[in-house]
Each structure stands twice: as structure tokens, then as C-alpha cells.
N, C-alpha and C. Protein backbone atom coordinates (compact mmCIF):
# COMPACT_ATOMS: atom_id res chain seq x y z
N MET A 1 0.83 -1.17 0.00
CA MET A 1 0.00 0.00 0.00
C MET A 1 0.88 1.25 0.00
N GLU A 2 0.48 2.22 -0.77
CA GLU A 2 1.27 3.45 -0.85
C GLU A 2 0.68 4.53 0.06
N ILE A 3 1.55 5.20 0.75
CA ILE A 3 1.14 6.32 1.60
C ILE A 3 1.04 7.55 0.70
N LYS A 4 -0.13 8.16 0.68
CA LYS A 4 -0.35 9.28 -0.23
C LYS A 4 0.32 10.55 0.28
N VAL A 5 0.63 11.43 -0.66
CA VAL A 5 1.17 12.74 -0.35
C VAL A 5 0.10 13.75 -0.73
N THR A 6 -0.33 14.56 0.24
CA THR A 6 -1.44 15.48 0.01
C THR A 6 -1.02 16.94 0.19
N CYS A 7 0.22 17.25 -0.15
CA CYS A 7 0.71 18.63 -0.11
C CYS A 7 1.85 18.76 -1.11
N LYS A 8 2.35 19.96 -1.27
CA LYS A 8 3.45 20.20 -2.21
C LYS A 8 4.51 21.05 -1.51
N GLY A 9 5.75 20.70 -1.70
CA GLY A 9 6.85 21.47 -1.13
C GLY A 9 7.67 22.12 -2.22
N ALA A 10 8.71 22.83 -1.83
CA ALA A 10 9.61 23.47 -2.79
C ALA A 10 10.41 22.42 -3.56
N VAL A 11 10.75 21.33 -2.86
CA VAL A 11 11.48 20.21 -3.49
C VAL A 11 10.88 18.90 -2.98
N GLU A 12 11.17 17.83 -3.70
CA GLU A 12 10.77 16.49 -3.25
C GLU A 12 12.03 15.68 -3.05
N LEU A 13 12.14 15.04 -1.88
CA LEU A 13 13.32 14.25 -1.55
C LEU A 13 12.90 12.84 -1.15
N ASP A 14 13.77 11.90 -1.47
CA ASP A 14 13.56 10.53 -1.03
C ASP A 14 13.83 10.44 0.47
N ILE A 15 13.14 9.55 1.14
CA ILE A 15 13.32 9.41 2.59
C ILE A 15 14.78 9.15 2.96
N SER A 16 15.52 8.47 2.07
CA SER A 16 16.93 8.17 2.33
C SER A 16 17.81 9.41 2.25
N GLU A 17 17.28 10.49 1.68
CA GLU A 17 18.05 11.73 1.55
C GLU A 17 17.88 12.66 2.75
N LEU A 18 17.04 12.25 3.72
CA LEU A 18 16.78 13.08 4.90
C LEU A 18 17.64 12.63 6.06
N THR A 19 18.20 13.60 6.78
CA THR A 19 19.07 13.30 7.92
C THR A 19 18.46 13.90 9.18
N GLU A 20 18.39 13.09 10.22
CA GLU A 20 17.84 13.57 11.49
C GLU A 20 18.77 14.64 12.07
N PHE A 21 18.16 15.60 12.74
CA PHE A 21 18.90 16.76 13.21
C PHE A 21 18.66 17.05 14.68
N GLN A 22 17.50 16.63 15.20
CA GLN A 22 17.11 16.99 16.57
C GLN A 22 17.80 16.19 17.66
N GLY A 23 18.27 15.01 17.35
CA GLY A 23 18.82 14.16 18.40
C GLY A 23 17.74 13.82 19.41
N GLY A 24 18.04 13.97 20.68
CA GLY A 24 17.09 13.63 21.74
C GLY A 24 16.24 14.81 22.21
N LEU A 25 16.10 15.83 21.37
CA LEU A 25 15.34 17.02 21.77
C LEU A 25 13.91 16.66 22.18
N LYS A 26 13.26 15.78 21.41
CA LYS A 26 11.88 15.41 21.72
C LYS A 26 11.78 13.90 21.89
N VAL A 27 10.77 13.49 22.62
CA VAL A 27 10.49 12.07 22.85
C VAL A 27 9.12 11.80 22.25
N LEU A 28 8.97 10.66 21.59
CA LEU A 28 7.69 10.26 21.02
C LEU A 28 7.20 9.02 21.76
N SER A 29 6.19 9.21 22.61
CA SER A 29 5.65 8.09 23.38
C SER A 29 4.94 7.12 22.45
N ALA A 30 4.75 5.90 22.90
CA ALA A 30 4.06 4.88 22.10
C ALA A 30 2.64 5.32 21.77
N GLU A 31 1.95 5.93 22.72
CA GLU A 31 0.57 6.39 22.50
C GLU A 31 0.52 7.48 21.44
N ARG A 32 1.43 8.43 21.51
CA ARG A 32 1.43 9.52 20.53
C ARG A 32 1.90 9.03 19.16
N LYS A 33 2.83 8.08 19.15
CA LYS A 33 3.28 7.52 17.88
C LYS A 33 2.12 6.83 17.17
N LEU A 34 1.30 6.11 17.92
CA LEU A 34 0.14 5.44 17.35
C LEU A 34 -0.83 6.45 16.73
N LYS A 35 -1.05 7.57 17.42
CA LYS A 35 -1.91 8.63 16.88
C LYS A 35 -1.35 9.17 15.57
N LEU A 36 -0.04 9.41 15.55
CA LEU A 36 0.60 9.95 14.36
C LEU A 36 0.53 8.96 13.20
N ARG A 37 0.79 7.70 13.49
CA ARG A 37 0.68 6.65 12.45
C ARG A 37 -0.72 6.61 11.86
N LYS A 38 -1.73 6.66 12.73
CA LYS A 38 -3.12 6.64 12.26
C LYS A 38 -3.41 7.84 11.38
N SER A 39 -2.89 9.01 11.76
CA SER A 39 -3.16 10.21 10.95
C SER A 39 -2.45 10.12 9.60
N ILE A 40 -1.24 9.56 9.58
CA ILE A 40 -0.52 9.39 8.30
C ILE A 40 -1.27 8.41 7.41
N LEU A 41 -1.75 7.32 7.98
CA LEU A 41 -2.48 6.34 7.19
C LEU A 41 -3.81 6.90 6.68
N LYS A 42 -4.44 7.76 7.46
CA LYS A 42 -5.72 8.34 7.06
C LYS A 42 -5.56 9.50 6.08
N TYR A 43 -4.64 10.43 6.37
CA TYR A 43 -4.52 11.66 5.59
C TYR A 43 -3.27 11.72 4.71
N GLY A 44 -2.35 10.80 4.88
CA GLY A 44 -1.11 10.83 4.12
C GLY A 44 -0.14 11.86 4.69
N ILE A 45 0.82 12.26 3.87
CA ILE A 45 1.77 13.31 4.25
C ILE A 45 1.09 14.63 3.88
N SER A 46 0.56 15.32 4.88
CA SER A 46 -0.26 16.52 4.66
C SER A 46 0.52 17.81 4.76
N PHE A 47 1.74 17.74 5.26
CA PHE A 47 2.54 18.95 5.46
C PHE A 47 3.97 18.66 5.04
N PRO A 48 4.63 19.61 4.38
CA PRO A 48 6.02 19.36 3.96
C PRO A 48 6.95 19.20 5.17
N PHE A 49 8.00 18.44 4.95
CA PHE A 49 9.10 18.39 5.91
C PHE A 49 9.85 19.71 5.76
N PHE A 50 10.37 20.24 6.85
CA PHE A 50 11.21 21.43 6.79
C PHE A 50 12.65 20.95 6.81
N VAL A 51 13.43 21.40 5.83
CA VAL A 51 14.79 20.88 5.67
C VAL A 51 15.79 22.03 5.55
N TYR A 52 16.89 21.88 6.27
CA TYR A 52 18.03 22.80 6.16
C TYR A 52 19.13 22.02 5.45
N SER A 53 19.57 22.51 4.29
CA SER A 53 20.59 21.81 3.50
C SER A 53 21.94 22.49 3.70
N LYS A 54 22.95 21.66 4.00
CA LYS A 54 24.31 22.17 4.16
C LYS A 54 25.28 21.09 3.65
N ASP A 55 26.16 21.49 2.76
CA ASP A 55 27.17 20.59 2.19
C ASP A 55 26.54 19.30 1.65
N GLY A 56 25.39 19.42 1.01
CA GLY A 56 24.75 18.27 0.38
C GLY A 56 23.98 17.37 1.34
N VAL A 57 23.90 17.75 2.62
CA VAL A 57 23.16 16.97 3.61
C VAL A 57 21.86 17.73 3.92
N ASN A 58 20.74 17.00 3.90
CA ASN A 58 19.43 17.59 4.15
C ASN A 58 19.01 17.27 5.59
N TYR A 59 19.20 18.24 6.48
CA TYR A 59 18.88 18.06 7.89
C TYR A 59 17.40 18.41 8.12
N ILE A 60 16.70 17.55 8.80
CA ILE A 60 15.28 17.77 9.07
C ILE A 60 15.13 18.77 10.22
N GLU A 61 14.48 19.88 9.93
CA GLU A 61 14.12 20.85 10.97
C GLU A 61 12.78 20.45 11.59
N ASP A 62 11.85 19.99 10.75
CA ASP A 62 10.53 19.58 11.22
C ASP A 62 10.11 18.33 10.45
N GLY A 63 9.73 17.30 11.19
CA GLY A 63 9.27 16.06 10.56
C GLY A 63 9.90 14.81 11.15
N HIS A 64 10.64 14.96 12.27
CA HIS A 64 11.32 13.81 12.86
C HIS A 64 10.35 12.70 13.27
N GLN A 65 9.26 13.06 13.92
CA GLN A 65 8.32 12.04 14.38
C GLN A 65 7.65 11.37 13.19
N ARG A 66 7.32 12.15 12.15
CA ARG A 66 6.76 11.56 10.93
C ARG A 66 7.77 10.62 10.30
N LEU A 67 9.05 10.99 10.31
CA LEU A 67 10.10 10.14 9.75
C LEU A 67 10.16 8.80 10.49
N ILE A 68 10.08 8.85 11.82
CA ILE A 68 10.09 7.61 12.62
C ILE A 68 8.93 6.72 12.21
N CYS A 69 7.73 7.29 12.10
CA CYS A 69 6.55 6.51 11.72
C CYS A 69 6.66 5.98 10.30
N LEU A 70 7.16 6.82 9.39
CA LEU A 70 7.29 6.37 8.00
C LEU A 70 8.26 5.21 7.88
N LYS A 71 9.37 5.26 8.60
CA LYS A 71 10.34 4.15 8.55
C LYS A 71 9.70 2.85 9.05
N GLU A 72 8.89 2.95 10.12
CA GLU A 72 8.19 1.77 10.62
C GLU A 72 7.20 1.24 9.58
N LEU A 73 6.45 2.15 8.98
CA LEU A 73 5.46 1.75 7.99
C LEU A 73 6.12 1.09 6.78
N ILE A 74 7.27 1.62 6.35
CA ILE A 74 8.01 1.02 5.24
C ILE A 74 8.44 -0.40 5.62
N SER A 75 8.91 -0.59 6.86
CA SER A 75 9.33 -1.93 7.30
C SER A 75 8.16 -2.91 7.35
N GLU A 76 6.93 -2.38 7.40
CA GLU A 76 5.73 -3.21 7.43
C GLU A 76 5.16 -3.42 6.03
N GLY A 77 5.85 -2.89 5.01
CA GLY A 77 5.40 -3.13 3.64
C GLY A 77 4.75 -1.96 2.94
N TYR A 78 4.59 -0.84 3.61
CA TYR A 78 4.03 0.34 2.96
C TYR A 78 5.07 0.96 2.04
N VAL A 79 4.60 1.67 1.03
CA VAL A 79 5.47 2.33 0.06
C VAL A 79 5.32 3.84 0.25
N VAL A 80 6.47 4.53 0.27
CA VAL A 80 6.47 5.98 0.42
C VAL A 80 7.25 6.55 -0.76
N GLY A 81 6.62 7.45 -1.49
CA GLY A 81 7.31 8.10 -2.60
C GLY A 81 8.18 9.23 -2.10
N LYS A 82 8.54 10.13 -3.00
CA LYS A 82 9.35 11.28 -2.61
C LYS A 82 8.52 12.18 -1.69
N LEU A 83 9.20 12.77 -0.73
CA LEU A 83 8.52 13.58 0.29
C LEU A 83 8.66 15.06 -0.03
N PRO A 84 7.56 15.81 0.12
CA PRO A 84 7.61 17.26 -0.11
C PRO A 84 8.41 17.92 1.01
N CYS A 85 9.29 18.84 0.64
CA CYS A 85 10.12 19.51 1.64
C CYS A 85 10.15 21.01 1.37
N ALA A 86 10.02 21.77 2.44
CA ALA A 86 10.22 23.22 2.40
C ALA A 86 11.68 23.46 2.79
N LEU A 87 12.33 24.36 2.09
CA LEU A 87 13.74 24.64 2.36
C LEU A 87 13.85 25.79 3.36
N ILE A 88 14.60 25.54 4.42
CA ILE A 88 14.82 26.53 5.46
C ILE A 88 16.25 27.04 5.31
N TYR A 89 16.40 28.35 5.16
CA TYR A 89 17.73 28.92 4.98
C TYR A 89 18.31 29.35 6.32
N ALA A 90 19.59 29.04 6.52
CA ALA A 90 20.33 29.44 7.72
C ALA A 90 21.79 29.61 7.32
N ASP A 91 22.47 30.53 7.98
CA ASP A 91 23.88 30.79 7.67
C ASP A 91 24.83 29.81 8.34
N SER A 92 24.33 29.08 9.33
CA SER A 92 25.21 28.15 10.05
C SER A 92 24.36 27.09 10.74
N MET A 93 25.03 26.05 11.24
CA MET A 93 24.33 25.01 12.02
C MET A 93 23.74 25.64 13.28
N GLN A 94 24.45 26.58 13.87
CA GLN A 94 23.96 27.30 15.05
C GLN A 94 22.61 27.95 14.75
N GLU A 95 22.54 28.69 13.64
CA GLU A 95 21.30 29.35 13.27
C GLU A 95 20.21 28.33 12.94
N ALA A 96 20.58 27.23 12.31
CA ALA A 96 19.60 26.17 11.99
C ALA A 96 19.01 25.60 13.28
N LYS A 97 19.85 25.41 14.30
CA LYS A 97 19.36 24.90 15.59
C LYS A 97 18.46 25.94 16.26
N GLU A 98 18.85 27.19 16.19
CA GLU A 98 18.02 28.25 16.77
C GLU A 98 16.65 28.28 16.10
N LYS A 99 16.62 28.14 14.77
CA LYS A 99 15.36 28.14 14.03
C LYS A 99 14.52 26.90 14.38
N LEU A 100 15.18 25.79 14.62
CA LEU A 100 14.45 24.58 15.02
C LEU A 100 13.74 24.81 16.36
N LEU A 101 14.42 25.47 17.29
CA LEU A 101 13.80 25.77 18.58
C LEU A 101 12.66 26.79 18.43
N ILE A 102 12.86 27.77 17.56
CA ILE A 102 11.78 28.73 17.29
C ILE A 102 10.58 28.00 16.69
N LEU A 103 10.83 27.11 15.75
CA LEU A 103 9.77 26.33 15.12
C LEU A 103 8.96 25.54 16.15
N ASN A 104 9.62 25.03 17.15
CA ASN A 104 8.94 24.22 18.16
C ASN A 104 8.36 25.04 19.31
N SER A 105 8.53 26.35 19.26
CA SER A 105 7.92 27.23 20.27
C SER A 105 6.45 27.40 19.94
N ARG A 106 5.63 27.46 20.95
CA ARG A 106 4.19 27.66 20.77
C ARG A 106 3.84 29.04 21.31
N TYR A 107 3.72 30.01 20.44
CA TYR A 107 3.42 31.37 20.88
C TYR A 107 1.92 31.56 21.08
N GLY A 108 1.15 31.04 20.16
CA GLY A 108 -0.30 31.11 20.29
C GLY A 108 -0.80 29.93 21.11
N GLU A 109 -1.81 30.18 21.90
CA GLU A 109 -2.35 29.13 22.77
C GLU A 109 -3.76 28.78 22.30
N ILE A 110 -4.03 27.49 22.14
CA ILE A 110 -5.38 27.05 21.82
C ILE A 110 -6.14 26.92 23.13
N THR A 111 -7.23 27.66 23.23
CA THR A 111 -8.07 27.57 24.42
C THR A 111 -9.24 26.63 24.12
N GLU A 112 -9.88 26.15 25.17
CA GLU A 112 -11.04 25.27 24.95
C GLU A 112 -12.14 26.00 24.19
N SER A 113 -12.43 27.24 24.59
CA SER A 113 -13.50 27.98 23.91
C SER A 113 -13.13 28.22 22.45
N GLY A 114 -11.88 28.56 22.18
CA GLY A 114 -11.43 28.77 20.80
C GLY A 114 -11.49 27.48 20.00
N PHE A 115 -11.10 26.37 20.63
CA PHE A 115 -11.14 25.07 19.95
C PHE A 115 -12.57 24.71 19.56
N PHE A 116 -13.50 24.85 20.51
CA PHE A 116 -14.88 24.45 20.22
C PHE A 116 -15.54 25.40 19.22
N GLU A 117 -15.17 26.68 19.24
CA GLU A 117 -15.69 27.60 18.23
C GLU A 117 -15.19 27.21 16.84
N PHE A 118 -13.89 26.93 16.74
CA PHE A 118 -13.29 26.56 15.46
C PHE A 118 -13.84 25.24 14.94
N SER A 119 -14.02 24.28 15.83
CA SER A 119 -14.41 22.93 15.41
C SER A 119 -15.92 22.74 15.34
N GLU A 120 -16.68 23.81 15.54
CA GLU A 120 -18.14 23.70 15.46
C GLU A 120 -18.54 23.14 14.10
N GLY A 121 -19.36 22.11 14.13
CA GLY A 121 -19.79 21.46 12.90
C GLY A 121 -18.92 20.30 12.47
N LEU A 122 -17.72 20.18 13.05
CA LEU A 122 -16.86 19.04 12.74
C LEU A 122 -17.33 17.83 13.52
N ASN A 123 -17.29 16.67 12.90
CA ASN A 123 -17.58 15.44 13.60
C ASN A 123 -16.26 14.93 14.18
N LEU A 124 -16.08 15.08 15.45
CA LEU A 124 -14.81 14.70 16.09
C LEU A 124 -14.72 13.21 16.38
N GLU A 125 -15.84 12.50 16.26
CA GLU A 125 -15.80 11.05 16.49
C GLU A 125 -14.89 10.42 15.43
N GLY A 126 -13.93 9.63 15.86
CA GLY A 126 -13.02 8.98 14.93
C GLY A 126 -11.91 9.90 14.44
N PHE A 127 -12.00 11.17 14.77
CA PHE A 127 -10.97 12.13 14.37
C PHE A 127 -10.27 12.72 15.59
N GLY A 128 -11.05 13.01 16.61
CA GLY A 128 -10.50 13.63 17.82
C GLY A 128 -9.41 12.81 18.47
N ASP A 129 -9.50 11.47 18.31
CA ASP A 129 -8.47 10.62 18.93
C ASP A 129 -7.14 10.70 18.19
N LEU A 130 -7.10 11.35 17.02
CA LEU A 130 -5.84 11.54 16.31
C LEU A 130 -5.11 12.80 16.78
N LEU A 131 -5.85 13.68 17.47
CA LEU A 131 -5.28 14.95 17.90
C LEU A 131 -4.47 14.78 19.17
N GLU A 132 -3.46 15.61 19.29
CA GLU A 132 -2.66 15.65 20.52
C GLU A 132 -2.67 17.09 21.01
N LEU A 133 -3.72 17.41 21.75
CA LEU A 133 -3.89 18.75 22.31
C LEU A 133 -4.03 18.59 23.83
N PRO A 134 -2.93 18.46 24.54
CA PRO A 134 -3.00 18.10 25.96
C PRO A 134 -3.74 19.10 26.85
N ASP A 135 -3.86 20.35 26.43
CA ASP A 135 -4.53 21.35 27.27
C ASP A 135 -6.03 21.44 27.00
N ILE A 136 -6.52 20.67 26.02
CA ILE A 136 -7.92 20.76 25.62
C ILE A 136 -8.61 19.43 25.90
N ASP A 137 -9.75 19.51 26.56
CA ASP A 137 -10.58 18.32 26.78
C ASP A 137 -11.54 18.22 25.60
N ILE A 138 -11.14 17.46 24.59
CA ILE A 138 -11.89 17.39 23.34
C ILE A 138 -13.27 16.79 23.55
N PHE A 139 -13.37 15.82 24.43
CA PHE A 139 -14.65 15.16 24.70
C PHE A 139 -15.02 15.40 26.16
N PRO A 140 -15.50 16.62 26.51
CA PRO A 140 -15.72 16.97 27.91
C PRO A 140 -16.79 16.14 28.61
N ASN A 141 -17.72 15.56 27.88
CA ASN A 141 -18.78 14.78 28.52
C ASN A 141 -18.43 13.30 28.65
N GLU A 142 -17.26 12.94 28.18
CA GLU A 142 -16.82 11.55 28.24
C GLU A 142 -16.45 11.22 29.68
N VAL A 143 -16.88 10.05 30.13
CA VAL A 143 -16.58 9.63 31.50
C VAL A 143 -15.10 9.28 31.57
N LYS A 144 -14.41 9.92 32.48
CA LYS A 144 -12.98 9.68 32.65
C LYS A 144 -12.78 8.67 33.78
N VAL A 145 -12.02 7.64 33.50
CA VAL A 145 -11.68 6.66 34.52
C VAL A 145 -10.38 7.12 35.16
N PRO A 146 -10.41 7.37 36.46
CA PRO A 146 -9.18 7.85 37.09
C PRO A 146 -8.07 6.81 36.99
N GLU A 147 -6.88 7.32 36.88
CA GLU A 147 -5.72 6.43 36.81
C GLU A 147 -5.50 5.79 38.18
N LEU A 148 -5.39 4.49 38.17
CA LEU A 148 -5.17 3.78 39.42
C LEU A 148 -3.68 3.74 39.71
N LYS A 149 -3.33 4.04 40.93
CA LYS A 149 -1.94 4.01 41.32
C LYS A 149 -1.75 2.93 42.36
N GLU A 150 -0.65 2.24 42.25
CA GLU A 150 -0.36 1.20 43.21
C GLU A 150 0.04 1.83 44.53
N VAL A 151 -0.59 1.38 45.60
CA VAL A 151 -0.31 1.92 46.92
C VAL A 151 0.18 0.78 47.79
N GLU A 152 1.27 1.03 48.48
CA GLU A 152 1.81 0.01 49.38
C GLU A 152 1.12 0.15 50.74
N VAL A 153 0.56 -0.95 51.21
CA VAL A 153 -0.17 -0.95 52.48
C VAL A 153 0.49 -1.95 53.42
N ASP A 154 0.69 -1.50 54.63
CA ASP A 154 1.28 -2.38 55.64
C ASP A 154 0.13 -3.05 56.40
N LEU A 155 -0.18 -4.29 56.03
CA LEU A 155 -1.28 -5.01 56.66
C LEU A 155 -0.80 -5.70 57.92
N LYS A 156 -1.59 -5.58 58.96
CA LYS A 156 -1.27 -6.22 60.23
C LYS A 156 -2.43 -7.13 60.59
N PRO A 157 -2.16 -8.24 61.27
CA PRO A 157 -3.26 -9.14 61.64
C PRO A 157 -4.23 -8.44 62.61
N TYR A 158 -5.49 -8.81 62.47
CA TYR A 158 -6.51 -8.24 63.34
C TYR A 158 -6.27 -8.67 64.78
N LYS A 159 -6.60 -7.76 65.71
CA LYS A 159 -6.51 -8.10 67.12
C LYS A 159 -7.86 -8.60 67.62
N LYS A 160 -8.93 -8.14 66.94
CA LYS A 160 -10.27 -8.57 67.32
C LYS A 160 -11.11 -8.69 66.07
N THR A 161 -12.07 -9.57 66.10
CA THR A 161 -13.05 -9.69 65.04
C THR A 161 -14.39 -9.30 65.62
N HIS A 162 -15.08 -8.41 64.94
CA HIS A 162 -16.38 -7.94 65.41
C HIS A 162 -17.47 -8.71 64.67
N ILE A 163 -18.43 -9.21 65.43
CA ILE A 163 -19.55 -9.94 64.85
C ILE A 163 -20.83 -9.27 65.32
N LEU A 164 -21.69 -8.96 64.39
CA LEU A 164 -22.97 -8.33 64.71
C LEU A 164 -24.05 -9.40 64.58
N ILE A 165 -24.77 -9.60 65.65
CA ILE A 165 -25.88 -10.56 65.64
C ILE A 165 -27.15 -9.79 65.97
N SER A 166 -28.12 -9.89 65.11
CA SER A 166 -29.41 -9.24 65.36
C SER A 166 -30.38 -10.28 65.90
N ILE A 167 -30.93 -9.99 67.07
CA ILE A 167 -31.85 -10.92 67.73
C ILE A 167 -33.13 -10.17 68.07
N PRO A 168 -34.26 -10.70 67.66
CA PRO A 168 -35.52 -10.05 68.05
C PRO A 168 -35.63 -10.04 69.58
N PRO A 169 -36.17 -8.97 70.15
CA PRO A 169 -36.24 -8.86 71.62
C PRO A 169 -36.92 -10.05 72.30
N ASP A 170 -37.93 -10.62 71.68
CA ASP A 170 -38.63 -11.74 72.33
C ASP A 170 -37.79 -13.02 72.33
N LYS A 171 -36.69 -13.07 71.56
CA LYS A 171 -35.84 -14.27 71.51
C LYS A 171 -34.57 -14.09 72.35
N LEU A 172 -34.32 -12.88 72.86
CA LEU A 172 -33.10 -12.62 73.62
C LEU A 172 -33.01 -13.52 74.85
N ILE A 173 -34.12 -13.74 75.51
CA ILE A 173 -34.11 -14.61 76.71
C ILE A 173 -33.69 -16.02 76.33
N ASP A 174 -34.10 -16.48 75.12
CA ASP A 174 -33.77 -17.84 74.68
C ASP A 174 -32.27 -18.02 74.46
N VAL A 175 -31.54 -16.97 74.04
CA VAL A 175 -30.11 -17.10 73.74
C VAL A 175 -29.21 -16.50 74.80
N GLN A 176 -29.79 -15.93 75.87
CA GLN A 176 -29.01 -15.24 76.89
C GLN A 176 -27.98 -16.17 77.53
N ASP A 177 -28.32 -17.41 77.78
CA ASP A 177 -27.36 -18.34 78.38
C ASP A 177 -26.15 -18.55 77.46
N LYS A 178 -26.40 -18.66 76.17
CA LYS A 178 -25.29 -18.85 75.20
C LYS A 178 -24.40 -17.61 75.16
N LEU A 179 -25.00 -16.41 75.20
CA LEU A 179 -24.23 -15.17 75.20
C LEU A 179 -23.36 -15.08 76.45
N ASN A 180 -23.90 -15.44 77.61
CA ASN A 180 -23.14 -15.43 78.87
C ASN A 180 -21.96 -16.38 78.78
N GLU A 181 -22.15 -17.51 78.12
CA GLU A 181 -21.07 -18.48 77.95
C GLU A 181 -19.96 -17.90 77.08
N ILE A 182 -20.34 -17.22 76.01
CA ILE A 182 -19.36 -16.61 75.09
C ILE A 182 -18.58 -15.51 75.81
N LEU A 183 -19.25 -14.77 76.67
CA LEU A 183 -18.59 -13.68 77.39
C LEU A 183 -17.51 -14.16 78.34
N LYS A 184 -17.54 -15.44 78.70
CA LYS A 184 -16.52 -15.99 79.61
C LYS A 184 -15.17 -16.16 78.90
N VAL A 185 -15.17 -16.17 77.54
CA VAL A 185 -13.92 -16.31 76.79
C VAL A 185 -13.12 -15.03 76.95
N GLN A 186 -11.81 -15.18 77.24
CA GLN A 186 -10.95 -14.02 77.49
C GLN A 186 -10.85 -13.12 76.25
N GLY A 187 -11.04 -11.80 76.43
CA GLY A 187 -10.92 -10.83 75.36
C GLY A 187 -12.22 -10.55 74.63
N VAL A 188 -13.28 -11.29 74.93
CA VAL A 188 -14.56 -11.07 74.27
C VAL A 188 -15.29 -9.94 74.97
N GLU A 189 -15.80 -9.03 74.16
CA GLU A 189 -16.59 -7.91 74.69
C GLU A 189 -18.00 -8.04 74.14
N TYR A 190 -18.93 -7.47 74.88
CA TYR A 190 -20.35 -7.57 74.51
C TYR A 190 -20.95 -6.19 74.55
N GLU A 191 -21.65 -5.84 73.47
CA GLU A 191 -22.31 -4.55 73.42
C GLU A 191 -23.74 -4.80 72.95
N GLN A 192 -24.67 -4.19 73.65
CA GLN A 192 -26.08 -4.42 73.31
C GLN A 192 -26.71 -3.09 72.96
N GLY A 193 -27.53 -3.09 71.92
CA GLY A 193 -28.26 -1.88 71.53
C GLY A 193 -29.58 -2.27 70.95
N SER A 194 -30.46 -1.34 70.84
CA SER A 194 -31.78 -1.60 70.27
C SER A 194 -32.08 -0.53 69.23
N ASN A 195 -32.86 -0.94 68.23
CA ASN A 195 -33.31 0.04 67.24
C ASN A 195 -34.75 -0.18 66.88
């Protein structure tokens, strides 16, 4: 199966012509990688990779996580054609790194009210789970199951066992001898109440 390309860049490069540039700057969790894979399979490559070229090497400014997913998909038998790339100009590797950090800065903030205004009329079922907007509760009416945390408890053996016996008042006289016998056992306490 071929992964479609649904955008156009300044140039098209083969995946083998792209070189990772970020190192360990970002981490892609398994859950987020799954979301990204699903979005690539559904929508294809929708945005160009941002590339800084120096001495014939095409360093990825933006697209590292997509590259990780694409490599996995290729290993699973998917076909990826040439990738659209936008060219980012920089005078040095230093400037290219600075631009990468600027690119990953979030100056504008998506608010819940802004999100719901923008997405009005969109069917988020089957789509919302592809989004990674940690500050927005996309499905506010969805029942959230709290995360269970393991708690270490120091259990100690019981010193006493409490037994509640309900006896109708007219039968108390019939069992009084047995109760008196039980009370003779060391450590047994007796409490009587009525309701």
C-alpha cells in the first residue's frame, strides 16, 4: 500500500536523503506515535518536511516524528514516494538549531472555547483521537476513569473480630445463656443496643 502525499513542497526528496537533526530534543511516546501513524495512514503526508541543507546533507528541521513513523510503515510493507520539503535557509548550524527551537515554540495558545468555536460542525468522532492537544478536553462529557496508582499498604493481623448478631427482643431470653457463655472467653466484649 502506498502512503499518499497530500501537499506540495519546494522540493521532493527521497526518505533516504533526509538526515535527522534533533537528536534527543523530543520524545515520542508509544501512545502519541500510534496517533501519528493513524493520521498518516488516514490523511497521508499533509505537510512538507522542513529541511536545512548544508554541504549536500538535508537536515530535518521539522518532521522527525513523521520520519520515525514512515520508517516503521516502510518496514511493514508500505510504500512511500518522494517527500515534499520546504527549504529553510540558515547561515550556520547554530542558526539552523536556533530556528528549530523557534519552530517548536508555541506562541499562540489554543483555548477550549477557541477550539470548540473553530471545530463547530466538525464530527470529532473517529478524528478527535488523532489529535494531541494536551490542554484541551476534546470530549468533555466523556466519562474519565481515574488512573489507578499502586499503593503500598502495611497489613497487620486483626486483634479482634467484630460480629454483629441481630436478635428479636422476644428471643433474647432464649439465647441469653449462650451469650453469657461466650462472654466468659478471654478478650470477648459484649455490646447491646436496640433500634
